[in-house]
Structure formats: structure tokens, C-alpha cells
Amino acid sequence: MHPIEWTMPDAGETLPQYAARLAAQIQHPQPILLGVSFGGMLATEISRIMPVQQTIIISSCKCKQELPAWMRTAGKLRLHKIIPYWMVTQFSSLNKYIFDTQSKAEDPYIKQMMLKDTHHLFVKRAVNMILTWQAQTPAHNIMHIHGRADKLLLPKRVQANYWLNDAGHFMIWNRADEVSQYINAILDSLVKG
């Protein structure tokens, strides 16, 4: 397993451009890509520009049409350019609702991830890339694992291969065993050919 280092996106960089820059880190000739949320969108874009054995995305989406209407509208109207970053990070009850944290241990993790471990400029640029994403169709060879209770990337817009009932956007954390079962099943099917 080789984690990709997420470097700072350039100002105005698109999601495909950023994905191409990250793809330069991949040395394997036909990798299996795995990405969660924004990482899944990046994995999708990387799979458009290089041959991959399989792309697995979790709590993510494969193209612009799978984003909720409010995100597509916000991107079109550039609303994310006028909303201060602190508003997104300071409303812990909103984050708890959107990410569907289910224990007290998860709340500080989300806060740490959004406020301390991730540079605010990275978040702003990532949000811009997501809301202005132009991919019209899904890439090929993608296996999608999604929660039926995801409040950020709504299940009614997403076409997934595997569903976790009552699982939200943060299911990689609070439903890790079930997500792992699906990942292992996908990997086993690749081995068996």
C-alpha cells in the first residue's frame, strides 16, 4: 500500500489538474486506487488518465451529476467564495449532522481533522475543486461503496455498487468492519479474475 501525499492545490487548479499532479506519485503500472470522499473524486479522475486495475471509492461520487443540487448550484453561483471558512468549521452540530458522527470520540476527530490537521487554504481550494467539478460521466472500472444515510453525498443521486444501510458519510470510521468486508470482497474478486 502506498499512500499518496496530498500537496497543497494551486490557486484555481481544477480537480482533474490536481489529480494529474498527484498521479505522478504512482509508480505501479496498473494500480488499485482507493479513495474516500474527496479522495474518491481524485481517484476517479486519476483513473481517467492512467490505466488502473480497479478504482474503489467510498462515501464519494463519480461525476458532477452525483453531487447534490445544492453543491452544483453553489459552485455555479460561486457561493463558496463568499462564505467564510470559519463558518464551516465552527458549527460542530452541523458537522456532526453532515458527517453522521455516532460517538463522542468521533466529534473531536472531525474537529481536529478540519481545524488543526488541514490547512484552511487546502480546504478552501478543495471545496472550490469539488463545487466546480465538470466531469459529466463516471470513469470506467469503479467500484463504489456508499452509505444509505449519507447526508453530504445523497444516496438518491449516487449509483453505488455496494450499500451500507443506516450508514452516513463517516462510515469509514464508525462502520469500518463492514466497509472492509466490501473492500476485501472486491480485492478477492480481482485475485480470482
N, C-alpha and C. Protein backbone atom coordinates (compact mmCIF):
# COMPACT_ATOMS: atom_id res chain seq x y z
N MET A 1 0.85 -1.18 0.00
CA MET A 1 0.00 0.00 0.00
C MET A 1 0.89 1.24 0.00
N HIS A 2 0.57 2.19 -0.85
CA HIS A 2 1.36 3.41 -0.98
C HIS A 2 0.44 4.62 -0.90
N PRO A 3 0.34 5.24 0.28
CA PRO A 3 -0.49 6.45 0.40
C PRO A 3 0.07 7.58 -0.48
N ILE A 4 -0.83 8.31 -1.09
CA ILE A 4 -0.43 9.47 -1.89
C ILE A 4 -0.37 10.69 -0.97
N GLU A 5 0.68 11.45 -1.11
CA GLU A 5 0.82 12.67 -0.30
C GLU A 5 0.01 13.79 -0.95
N TRP A 6 -0.92 14.32 -0.16
CA TRP A 6 -1.76 15.41 -0.67
C TRP A 6 -1.00 16.72 -0.51
N THR A 7 -0.52 17.23 -1.62
CA THR A 7 0.18 18.51 -1.59
C THR A 7 -0.86 19.64 -1.67
N MET A 8 -0.42 20.84 -1.41
CA MET A 8 -1.33 21.99 -1.48
C MET A 8 -1.77 22.23 -2.92
N PRO A 9 -3.09 22.26 -3.16
CA PRO A 9 -3.56 22.59 -4.53
C PRO A 9 -3.16 24.02 -4.90
N ASP A 10 -2.87 24.23 -6.16
CA ASP A 10 -2.57 25.57 -6.63
C ASP A 10 -3.86 26.38 -6.72
N ALA A 11 -3.74 27.69 -6.63
CA ALA A 11 -4.91 28.57 -6.77
C ALA A 11 -5.52 28.38 -8.15
N GLY A 12 -6.81 28.13 -8.20
CA GLY A 12 -7.50 27.98 -9.47
C GLY A 12 -7.34 26.62 -10.12
N GLU A 13 -6.62 25.71 -9.47
CA GLU A 13 -6.40 24.38 -10.03
C GLU A 13 -7.72 23.60 -10.06
N THR A 14 -7.99 22.90 -11.13
CA THR A 14 -9.21 22.10 -11.23
C THR A 14 -8.95 20.72 -10.62
N LEU A 15 -10.03 20.00 -10.37
CA LEU A 15 -9.90 18.67 -9.81
C LEU A 15 -9.10 17.74 -10.75
N PRO A 16 -9.37 17.73 -12.06
CA PRO A 16 -8.54 16.91 -12.95
C PRO A 16 -7.07 17.32 -12.96
N GLN A 17 -6.79 18.60 -12.89
CA GLN A 17 -5.40 19.07 -12.88
C GLN A 17 -4.68 18.61 -11.60
N TYR A 18 -5.37 18.75 -10.48
CA TYR A 18 -4.78 18.34 -9.20
C TYR A 18 -4.57 16.82 -9.18
N ALA A 19 -5.56 16.08 -9.69
CA ALA A 19 -5.44 14.62 -9.76
C ALA A 19 -4.24 14.21 -10.62
N ALA A 20 -4.03 14.90 -11.72
CA ALA A 20 -2.89 14.58 -12.60
C ALA A 20 -1.58 14.83 -11.88
N ARG A 21 -1.53 15.87 -11.09
CA ARG A 21 -0.31 16.17 -10.33
C ARG A 21 -0.05 15.09 -9.28
N LEU A 22 -1.11 14.65 -8.59
CA LEU A 22 -0.96 13.59 -7.59
C LEU A 22 -0.62 12.25 -8.25
N ALA A 23 -1.15 12.02 -9.43
CA ALA A 23 -0.92 10.75 -10.14
C ALA A 23 0.56 10.54 -10.44
N ALA A 24 1.33 11.61 -10.51
CA ALA A 24 2.77 11.50 -10.77
C ALA A 24 3.49 10.72 -9.67
N GLN A 25 2.87 10.61 -8.49
CA GLN A 25 3.46 9.86 -7.38
C GLN A 25 3.29 8.35 -7.54
N ILE A 26 2.39 7.91 -8.42
CA ILE A 26 2.07 6.49 -8.56
C ILE A 26 3.10 5.82 -9.46
N GLN A 27 3.77 4.80 -8.92
CA GLN A 27 4.82 4.11 -9.66
C GLN A 27 4.35 2.78 -10.27
N HIS A 28 3.31 2.19 -9.70
CA HIS A 28 2.83 0.89 -10.17
C HIS A 28 2.19 1.04 -11.55
N PRO A 29 2.44 0.09 -12.47
CA PRO A 29 1.90 0.23 -13.83
C PRO A 29 0.38 0.11 -13.92
N GLN A 30 -0.25 -0.69 -13.07
CA GLN A 30 -1.71 -0.80 -13.07
C GLN A 30 -2.19 -0.88 -11.63
N PRO A 31 -2.26 0.26 -10.95
CA PRO A 31 -2.58 0.24 -9.53
C PRO A 31 -4.06 -0.03 -9.26
N ILE A 32 -4.33 -0.38 -8.02
CA ILE A 32 -5.69 -0.38 -7.49
C ILE A 32 -5.78 0.88 -6.66
N LEU A 33 -6.66 1.79 -7.04
CA LEU A 33 -6.81 3.05 -6.33
C LEU A 33 -7.94 2.92 -5.31
N LEU A 34 -7.75 3.54 -4.16
CA LEU A 34 -8.78 3.58 -3.12
C LEU A 34 -8.85 5.00 -2.60
N GLY A 35 -10.06 5.57 -2.60
CA GLY A 35 -10.22 6.94 -2.12
C GLY A 35 -11.53 7.11 -1.38
N VAL A 36 -11.50 7.95 -0.36
CA VAL A 36 -12.68 8.23 0.46
C VAL A 36 -13.07 9.70 0.29
N SER A 37 -14.35 9.95 0.06
CA SER A 37 -14.91 11.29 -0.06
C SER A 37 -14.18 12.07 -1.16
N PHE A 38 -13.52 13.18 -0.83
CA PHE A 38 -12.77 13.95 -1.83
C PHE A 38 -11.69 13.08 -2.47
N GLY A 39 -11.09 12.20 -1.67
CA GLY A 39 -10.09 11.28 -2.20
C GLY A 39 -10.66 10.34 -3.25
N GLY A 40 -11.94 9.99 -3.11
CA GLY A 40 -12.60 9.16 -4.12
C GLY A 40 -12.79 9.91 -5.43
N MET A 41 -13.08 11.19 -5.35
CA MET A 41 -13.21 12.01 -6.56
C MET A 41 -11.86 12.10 -7.26
N LEU A 42 -10.80 12.27 -6.46
CA LEU A 42 -9.46 12.32 -7.04
C LEU A 42 -9.08 10.98 -7.67
N ALA A 43 -9.40 9.88 -6.99
CA ALA A 43 -9.12 8.55 -7.54
C ALA A 43 -9.87 8.36 -8.86
N THR A 44 -11.09 8.84 -8.93
CA THR A 44 -11.88 8.76 -10.16
C THR A 44 -11.18 9.50 -11.29
N GLU A 45 -10.70 10.71 -10.99
CA GLU A 45 -10.02 11.49 -12.03
C GLU A 45 -8.69 10.88 -12.43
N ILE A 46 -7.96 10.30 -11.47
CA ILE A 46 -6.70 9.63 -11.80
C ILE A 46 -6.98 8.45 -12.73
N SER A 47 -8.08 7.74 -12.48
CA SER A 47 -8.39 6.57 -13.31
C SER A 47 -8.78 6.96 -14.74
N ARG A 48 -9.06 8.22 -14.97
CA ARG A 48 -9.34 8.69 -16.34
C ARG A 48 -8.05 8.89 -17.14
N ILE A 49 -6.93 9.10 -16.44
CA ILE A 49 -5.70 9.48 -17.16
C ILE A 49 -4.62 8.41 -17.14
N MET A 50 -4.84 7.32 -16.39
CA MET A 50 -3.84 6.25 -16.39
C MET A 50 -4.54 4.91 -16.26
N PRO A 51 -3.94 3.85 -16.79
CA PRO A 51 -4.56 2.53 -16.66
C PRO A 51 -4.52 2.06 -15.21
N VAL A 52 -5.66 1.62 -14.71
CA VAL A 52 -5.75 1.11 -13.34
C VAL A 52 -6.39 -0.27 -13.38
N GLN A 53 -6.02 -1.08 -12.42
CA GLN A 53 -6.64 -2.40 -12.32
C GLN A 53 -8.07 -2.25 -11.78
N GLN A 54 -8.22 -1.36 -10.79
CA GLN A 54 -9.54 -1.12 -10.20
C GLN A 54 -9.47 0.18 -9.42
N THR A 55 -10.58 0.90 -9.37
CA THR A 55 -10.71 2.07 -8.51
C THR A 55 -11.86 1.79 -7.56
N ILE A 56 -11.60 1.96 -6.28
CA ILE A 56 -12.61 1.77 -5.25
C ILE A 56 -12.82 3.11 -4.56
N ILE A 57 -14.07 3.58 -4.57
CA ILE A 57 -14.37 4.83 -3.89
C ILE A 57 -15.39 4.58 -2.79
N ILE A 58 -15.24 5.33 -1.70
CA ILE A 58 -16.08 5.16 -0.52
C ILE A 58 -16.62 6.52 -0.12
N SER A 59 -17.94 6.59 0.14
CA SER A 59 -18.58 7.86 0.56
C SER A 59 -18.15 8.98 -0.38
N SER A 60 -18.31 8.76 -1.66
CA SER A 60 -17.81 9.69 -2.65
C SER A 60 -18.79 9.76 -3.82
N CYS A 61 -18.35 10.34 -4.91
CA CYS A 61 -19.15 10.34 -6.13
C CYS A 61 -18.24 10.29 -7.34
N LYS A 62 -18.81 9.89 -8.46
CA LYS A 62 -18.04 9.59 -9.66
C LYS A 62 -18.08 10.69 -10.72
N CYS A 63 -19.02 11.62 -10.60
CA CYS A 63 -19.14 12.70 -11.58
C CYS A 63 -20.01 13.81 -10.99
N LYS A 64 -20.06 14.92 -11.69
CA LYS A 64 -20.77 16.11 -11.24
C LYS A 64 -22.25 15.81 -10.95
N GLN A 65 -22.88 14.94 -11.77
CA GLN A 65 -24.30 14.65 -11.61
C GLN A 65 -24.61 13.96 -10.28
N GLU A 66 -23.62 13.32 -9.66
CA GLU A 66 -23.86 12.67 -8.38
C GLU A 66 -23.71 13.62 -7.19
N LEU A 67 -23.23 14.83 -7.43
CA LEU A 67 -23.19 15.83 -6.36
C LEU A 67 -24.61 16.31 -6.09
N PRO A 68 -24.93 16.63 -4.82
CA PRO A 68 -26.27 17.15 -4.54
C PRO A 68 -26.51 18.49 -5.26
N ALA A 69 -27.78 18.78 -5.51
CA ALA A 69 -28.15 20.00 -6.25
C ALA A 69 -27.60 21.25 -5.58
N TRP A 70 -27.61 21.28 -4.23
CA TRP A 70 -27.12 22.49 -3.55
C TRP A 70 -25.64 22.72 -3.82
N MET A 71 -24.86 21.65 -3.97
CA MET A 71 -23.43 21.81 -4.26
C MET A 71 -23.24 22.32 -5.69
N ARG A 72 -23.99 21.75 -6.62
CA ARG A 72 -23.86 22.18 -8.02
C ARG A 72 -24.28 23.64 -8.17
N THR A 73 -25.34 24.03 -7.46
CA THR A 73 -25.80 25.42 -7.50
C THR A 73 -24.79 26.35 -6.85
N ALA A 74 -24.27 25.96 -5.70
CA ALA A 74 -23.26 26.78 -5.00
C ALA A 74 -22.04 26.98 -5.89
N GLY A 75 -21.63 25.94 -6.60
CA GLY A 75 -20.48 26.05 -7.49
C GLY A 75 -20.76 26.97 -8.66
N LYS A 76 -21.94 26.83 -9.23
CA LYS A 76 -22.30 27.66 -10.38
C LYS A 76 -22.38 29.14 -10.00
N LEU A 77 -22.93 29.42 -8.81
CA LEU A 77 -23.07 30.81 -8.34
C LEU A 77 -21.85 31.32 -7.59
N ARG A 78 -20.85 30.43 -7.40
CA ARG A 78 -19.61 30.77 -6.69
C ARG A 78 -19.87 31.21 -5.24
N LEU A 79 -20.90 30.62 -4.62
CA LEU A 79 -21.25 30.99 -3.24
C LEU A 79 -20.14 30.65 -2.26
N HIS A 80 -19.38 29.61 -2.55
CA HIS A 80 -18.30 29.21 -1.65
C HIS A 80 -17.21 30.27 -1.55
N LYS A 81 -17.18 31.19 -2.49
CA LYS A 81 -16.18 32.26 -2.46
C LYS A 81 -16.53 33.35 -1.45
N ILE A 82 -17.81 33.41 -1.04
CA ILE A 82 -18.21 34.48 -0.12
C ILE A 82 -18.51 33.99 1.30
N ILE A 83 -18.56 32.66 1.49
CA ILE A 83 -18.83 32.13 2.83
C ILE A 83 -17.50 31.96 3.56
N PRO A 84 -17.36 32.60 4.73
CA PRO A 84 -16.10 32.50 5.47
C PRO A 84 -15.81 31.06 5.92
N TYR A 85 -14.54 30.68 5.86
CA TYR A 85 -14.11 29.34 6.23
C TYR A 85 -14.52 28.99 7.66
N TRP A 86 -14.43 29.95 8.57
CA TRP A 86 -14.74 29.66 9.98
C TRP A 86 -16.18 29.22 10.17
N MET A 87 -17.08 29.66 9.31
CA MET A 87 -18.49 29.25 9.45
C MET A 87 -18.64 27.75 9.24
N VAL A 88 -17.86 27.20 8.33
CA VAL A 88 -17.95 25.77 8.03
C VAL A 88 -17.37 24.94 9.17
N THR A 89 -16.28 25.42 9.75
CA THR A 89 -15.56 24.61 10.74
C THR A 89 -16.07 24.80 12.17
N GLN A 90 -16.73 25.90 12.46
CA GLN A 90 -17.10 26.18 13.85
C GLN A 90 -18.43 25.60 14.28
N PHE A 91 -19.29 25.26 13.35
CA PHE A 91 -20.60 24.74 13.72
C PHE A 91 -20.52 23.23 13.92
N SER A 92 -20.14 22.84 15.14
CA SER A 92 -19.92 21.41 15.41
C SER A 92 -21.20 20.60 15.27
N SER A 93 -22.34 21.18 15.61
CA SER A 93 -23.59 20.42 15.47
C SER A 93 -23.92 20.16 14.00
N LEU A 94 -23.62 21.12 13.13
CA LEU A 94 -23.83 20.94 11.70
C LEU A 94 -22.88 19.86 11.17
N ASN A 95 -21.61 19.93 11.58
CA ASN A 95 -20.64 18.92 11.14
C ASN A 95 -21.02 17.54 11.65
N LYS A 96 -21.52 17.48 12.89
CA LYS A 96 -21.96 16.20 13.48
C LYS A 96 -23.11 15.62 12.64
N TYR A 97 -24.04 16.48 12.21
CA TYR A 97 -25.16 16.04 11.39
C TYR A 97 -24.69 15.58 10.02
N ILE A 98 -23.88 16.41 9.35
CA ILE A 98 -23.45 16.10 7.98
C ILE A 98 -22.57 14.85 7.94
N PHE A 99 -21.61 14.77 8.85
CA PHE A 99 -20.68 13.64 8.83
C PHE A 99 -21.23 12.42 9.54
N ASP A 100 -22.34 12.58 10.25
CA ASP A 100 -23.01 11.48 10.93
C ASP A 100 -22.09 10.80 11.94
N THR A 101 -21.44 11.63 12.76
CA THR A 101 -20.63 11.05 13.83
C THR A 101 -21.56 10.40 14.84
N GLN A 102 -21.16 9.26 15.36
CA GLN A 102 -22.05 8.47 16.20
C GLN A 102 -21.51 8.23 17.61
N SER A 103 -20.36 8.80 17.92
CA SER A 103 -19.83 8.65 19.27
C SER A 103 -19.09 9.92 19.66
N LYS A 104 -18.87 10.08 20.95
CA LYS A 104 -18.15 11.27 21.43
C LYS A 104 -16.71 11.28 20.94
N ALA A 105 -16.15 10.12 20.69
CA ALA A 105 -14.76 10.04 20.21
C ALA A 105 -14.62 10.59 18.80
N GLU A 106 -15.68 10.54 18.00
CA GLU A 106 -15.60 10.98 16.61
C GLU A 106 -15.64 12.49 16.48
N ASP A 107 -16.37 13.17 17.34
CA ASP A 107 -16.51 14.62 17.24
C ASP A 107 -15.17 15.36 17.30
N PRO A 108 -14.33 15.05 18.32
CA PRO A 108 -13.02 15.73 18.34
C PRO A 108 -12.14 15.36 17.15
N TYR A 109 -12.30 14.14 16.63
CA TYR A 109 -11.52 13.74 15.47
C TYR A 109 -11.87 14.61 14.26
N ILE A 110 -13.16 14.83 14.04
CA ILE A 110 -13.61 15.69 12.93
C ILE A 110 -13.06 17.11 13.13
N LYS A 111 -13.18 17.61 14.35
CA LYS A 111 -12.71 18.97 14.64
C LYS A 111 -11.20 19.06 14.41
N GLN A 112 -10.47 18.07 14.87
CA GLN A 112 -9.01 18.04 14.69
C GLN A 112 -8.68 18.01 13.21
N MET A 113 -9.38 17.15 12.47
CA MET A 113 -9.11 16.98 11.05
C MET A 113 -9.39 18.28 10.29
N MET A 114 -10.49 18.95 10.62
CA MET A 114 -10.90 20.14 9.87
C MET A 114 -10.19 21.41 10.32
N LEU A 115 -9.86 21.49 11.60
CA LEU A 115 -9.31 22.74 12.12
C LEU A 115 -7.80 22.73 12.29
N LYS A 116 -7.25 21.62 12.73
CA LYS A 116 -5.84 21.63 13.10
C LYS A 116 -4.95 20.92 12.09
N ASP A 117 -5.40 19.79 11.58
CA ASP A 117 -4.54 18.99 10.70
C ASP A 117 -4.60 19.41 9.24
N THR A 118 -5.62 20.12 8.87
CA THR A 118 -5.77 20.52 7.47
C THR A 118 -5.68 22.03 7.36
N HIS A 119 -4.77 22.49 6.55
CA HIS A 119 -4.59 23.93 6.36
C HIS A 119 -5.87 24.52 5.74
N HIS A 120 -6.28 25.68 6.25
CA HIS A 120 -7.53 26.27 5.77
C HIS A 120 -7.51 26.55 4.27
N LEU A 121 -6.33 26.85 3.73
CA LEU A 121 -6.22 27.13 2.30
C LEU A 121 -6.47 25.85 1.50
N PHE A 122 -6.01 24.71 2.03
CA PHE A 122 -6.26 23.43 1.37
C PHE A 122 -7.77 23.18 1.30
N VAL A 123 -8.46 23.40 2.43
CA VAL A 123 -9.91 23.16 2.47
C VAL A 123 -10.62 24.07 1.47
N LYS A 124 -10.27 25.35 1.45
CA LYS A 124 -10.90 26.28 0.51
C LYS A 124 -10.70 25.85 -0.94
N ARG A 125 -9.49 25.45 -1.26
CA ARG A 125 -9.20 25.06 -2.64
C ARG A 125 -9.85 23.72 -2.99
N ALA A 126 -9.90 22.82 -2.03
CA ALA A 126 -10.57 21.53 -2.27
C ALA A 126 -12.07 21.74 -2.50
N VAL A 127 -12.68 22.58 -1.67
CA VAL A 127 -14.11 22.89 -1.85
C VAL A 127 -14.35 23.51 -3.22
N ASN A 128 -13.48 24.42 -3.64
CA ASN A 128 -13.62 25.02 -4.96
C ASN A 128 -13.53 23.96 -6.06
N MET A 129 -12.58 23.02 -5.93
CA MET A 129 -12.44 21.96 -6.94
C MET A 129 -13.68 21.09 -7.00
N ILE A 130 -14.25 20.76 -5.83
CA ILE A 130 -15.44 19.90 -5.80
C ILE A 130 -16.64 20.62 -6.42
N LEU A 131 -16.86 21.86 -6.00
CA LEU A 131 -18.06 22.58 -6.45
C LEU A 131 -17.99 23.02 -7.91
N THR A 132 -16.80 23.05 -8.47
CA THR A 132 -16.67 23.44 -9.88
C THR A 132 -16.27 22.26 -10.76
N TRP A 133 -16.38 21.05 -10.23
CA TRP A 133 -16.04 19.83 -10.96
C TRP A 133 -16.94 19.73 -12.19
N GLN A 134 -16.35 19.42 -13.34
CA GLN A 134 -17.11 19.40 -14.59
C GLN A 134 -17.32 18.01 -15.17
N ALA A 135 -16.82 16.96 -14.52
CA ALA A 135 -16.95 15.60 -15.07
C ALA A 135 -18.42 15.25 -15.29
N GLN A 136 -18.77 14.96 -16.51
CA GLN A 136 -20.17 14.70 -16.85
C GLN A 136 -20.57 13.23 -16.72
N THR A 137 -19.60 12.34 -16.89
CA THR A 137 -19.90 10.90 -16.83
C THR A 137 -18.89 10.21 -15.92
N PRO A 138 -19.29 9.09 -15.31
CA PRO A 138 -18.35 8.34 -14.47
C PRO A 138 -17.22 7.74 -15.30
N ALA A 139 -16.07 7.62 -14.67
CA ALA A 139 -14.96 6.89 -15.30
C ALA A 139 -15.30 5.40 -15.27
N HIS A 140 -14.59 4.62 -16.05
CA HIS A 140 -14.81 3.17 -16.09
C HIS A 140 -14.08 2.49 -14.93
N ASN A 141 -14.47 1.27 -14.65
CA ASN A 141 -13.76 0.40 -13.72
C ASN A 141 -13.77 0.93 -12.28
N ILE A 142 -14.91 1.48 -11.86
CA ILE A 142 -15.03 2.00 -10.49
C ILE A 142 -16.01 1.14 -9.70
N MET A 143 -15.60 0.76 -8.50
CA MET A 143 -16.48 0.10 -7.54
C MET A 143 -16.76 1.12 -6.45
N HIS A 144 -18.03 1.32 -6.17
CA HIS A 144 -18.46 2.41 -5.29
C HIS A 144 -19.17 1.84 -4.07
N ILE A 145 -18.68 2.19 -2.88
CA ILE A 145 -19.28 1.79 -1.61
C ILE A 145 -19.86 3.05 -0.98
N HIS A 146 -21.14 3.01 -0.61
CA HIS A 146 -21.80 4.23 -0.13
C HIS A 146 -22.79 3.90 0.99
N GLY A 147 -23.03 4.87 1.84
CA GLY A 147 -23.99 4.71 2.93
C GLY A 147 -25.37 5.21 2.52
N ARG A 148 -26.38 4.45 2.87
CA ARG A 148 -27.77 4.85 2.52
C ARG A 148 -28.27 6.04 3.33
N ALA A 149 -27.52 6.43 4.38
CA ALA A 149 -27.91 7.58 5.19
C ALA A 149 -26.92 8.73 5.06
N ASP A 150 -26.14 8.75 3.98
CA ASP A 150 -25.16 9.82 3.77
C ASP A 150 -25.89 11.14 3.55
N LYS A 151 -25.61 12.12 4.40
CA LYS A 151 -26.29 13.42 4.31
C LYS A 151 -25.49 14.44 3.52
N LEU A 152 -24.25 14.12 3.19
CA LEU A 152 -23.43 15.03 2.41
C LEU A 152 -23.53 14.72 0.92
N LEU A 153 -23.32 13.46 0.57
CA LEU A 153 -23.46 13.00 -0.83
C LEU A 153 -24.66 12.06 -0.86
N LEU A 154 -25.79 12.62 -1.23
CA LEU A 154 -27.09 11.98 -1.04
C LEU A 154 -27.25 10.69 -1.85
N PRO A 155 -27.71 9.62 -1.18
CA PRO A 155 -27.88 8.33 -1.86
C PRO A 155 -28.79 8.37 -3.08
N LYS A 156 -29.78 9.24 -3.09
CA LYS A 156 -30.70 9.27 -4.23
C LYS A 156 -30.02 9.75 -5.52
N ARG A 157 -28.86 10.42 -5.40
CA ARG A 157 -28.14 10.90 -6.58
C ARG A 157 -27.02 9.96 -7.00
N VAL A 158 -26.63 9.07 -6.09
CA VAL A 158 -25.45 8.24 -6.29
C VAL A 158 -25.82 6.86 -6.82
N GLN A 159 -25.04 6.36 -7.75
CA GLN A 159 -25.18 4.99 -8.24
C GLN A 159 -24.03 4.19 -7.66
N ALA A 160 -24.28 3.45 -6.58
CA ALA A 160 -23.22 2.68 -5.92
C ALA A 160 -23.35 1.19 -6.24
N ASN A 161 -22.25 0.49 -6.10
CA ASN A 161 -22.25 -0.97 -6.25
C ASN A 161 -22.59 -1.68 -4.95
N TYR A 162 -22.17 -1.08 -3.84
CA TYR A 162 -22.39 -1.67 -2.52
C TYR A 162 -22.96 -0.59 -1.60
N TRP A 163 -23.98 -0.98 -0.84
CA TRP A 163 -24.66 -0.05 0.07
C TRP A 163 -24.57 -0.55 1.50
N LEU A 164 -24.35 0.38 2.43
CA LEU A 164 -24.43 0.08 3.85
C LEU A 164 -25.68 0.77 4.39
N ASN A 165 -26.62 -0.01 4.88
CA ASN A 165 -27.85 0.57 5.44
C ASN A 165 -27.54 1.38 6.69
N ASP A 166 -28.25 2.49 6.85
CA ASP A 166 -28.12 3.37 8.02
C ASP A 166 -26.71 3.89 8.22
N ALA A 167 -25.89 3.92 7.20
CA ALA A 167 -24.51 4.41 7.32
C ALA A 167 -24.41 5.80 6.70
N GLY A 168 -23.69 6.68 7.39
CA GLY A 168 -23.51 8.05 6.93
C GLY A 168 -22.17 8.27 6.27
N HIS A 169 -21.82 9.54 6.09
CA HIS A 169 -20.61 9.91 5.37
C HIS A 169 -19.34 9.45 6.08
N PHE A 170 -19.41 9.32 7.37
CA PHE A 170 -18.24 8.96 8.18
C PHE A 170 -18.16 7.46 8.44
N MET A 171 -18.81 6.67 7.58
CA MET A 171 -18.89 5.22 7.81
C MET A 171 -17.52 4.54 7.74
N ILE A 172 -16.54 5.16 7.09
CA ILE A 172 -15.20 4.59 7.05
C ILE A 172 -14.64 4.47 8.47
N TRP A 173 -15.15 5.29 9.37
CA TRP A 173 -14.71 5.28 10.77
C TRP A 173 -15.65 4.44 11.63
N ASN A 174 -16.95 4.75 11.58
CA ASN A 174 -17.87 4.10 12.51
C ASN A 174 -18.52 2.81 11.98
N ARG A 175 -18.23 2.45 10.73
CA ARG A 175 -18.69 1.16 10.19
C ARG A 175 -17.52 0.49 9.45
N ALA A 176 -16.33 0.66 10.00
CA ALA A 176 -15.09 0.23 9.34
C ALA A 176 -15.09 -1.25 9.01
N ASP A 177 -15.60 -2.09 9.91
CA ASP A 177 -15.57 -3.54 9.65
C ASP A 177 -16.39 -3.90 8.42
N GLU A 178 -17.57 -3.29 8.29
CA GLU A 178 -18.42 -3.59 7.14
C GLU A 178 -17.82 -3.05 5.84
N VAL A 179 -17.25 -1.83 5.91
CA VAL A 179 -16.60 -1.27 4.73
C VAL A 179 -15.44 -2.17 4.30
N SER A 180 -14.67 -2.64 5.28
CA SER A 180 -13.53 -3.53 4.99
C SER A 180 -13.99 -4.83 4.33
N GLN A 181 -15.13 -5.35 4.75
CA GLN A 181 -15.65 -6.58 4.13
C GLN A 181 -15.90 -6.37 2.64
N TYR A 182 -16.49 -5.22 2.30
CA TYR A 182 -16.74 -4.92 0.89
C TYR A 182 -15.43 -4.75 0.12
N ILE A 183 -14.48 -4.03 0.71
CA ILE A 183 -13.18 -3.83 0.05
C ILE A 183 -12.52 -5.18 -0.19
N ASN A 184 -12.51 -6.02 0.84
CA ASN A 184 -11.89 -7.35 0.69
C ASN A 184 -12.59 -8.20 -0.36
N ALA A 185 -13.92 -8.09 -0.45
CA ALA A 185 -14.66 -8.85 -1.47
C ALA A 185 -14.26 -8.38 -2.87
N ILE A 186 -14.10 -7.07 -3.04
CA ILE A 186 -13.69 -6.53 -4.35
C ILE A 186 -12.28 -7.01 -4.69
N LEU A 187 -11.37 -6.94 -3.72
CA LEU A 187 -10.00 -7.39 -3.95
C LEU A 187 -9.93 -8.88 -4.23
N ASP A 188 -10.73 -9.66 -3.51
CA ASP A 188 -10.77 -11.12 -3.75
C ASP A 188 -11.24 -11.43 -5.17
N SER A 189 -12.23 -10.68 -5.63
CA SER A 189 -12.74 -10.92 -6.98
C SER A 189 -11.68 -10.58 -8.03
N LEU A 190 -10.82 -9.61 -7.76
CA LEU A 190 -9.73 -9.28 -8.68
C LEU A 190 -8.69 -10.39 -8.74
N VAL A 191 -8.40 -10.95 -7.57
CA VAL A 191 -7.42 -12.04 -7.49
C VAL A 191 -7.93 -13.28 -8.24
N LYS A 192 -9.23 -13.55 -8.07
CA LYS A 192 -9.81 -14.73 -8.72
C LYS A 192 -10.00 -14.50 -10.22
N GLY A 193 -10.00 -13.22 -10.60
CA GLY A 193 -10.08 -12.88 -12.02
C GLY A 193 -11.42 -13.07 -12.59
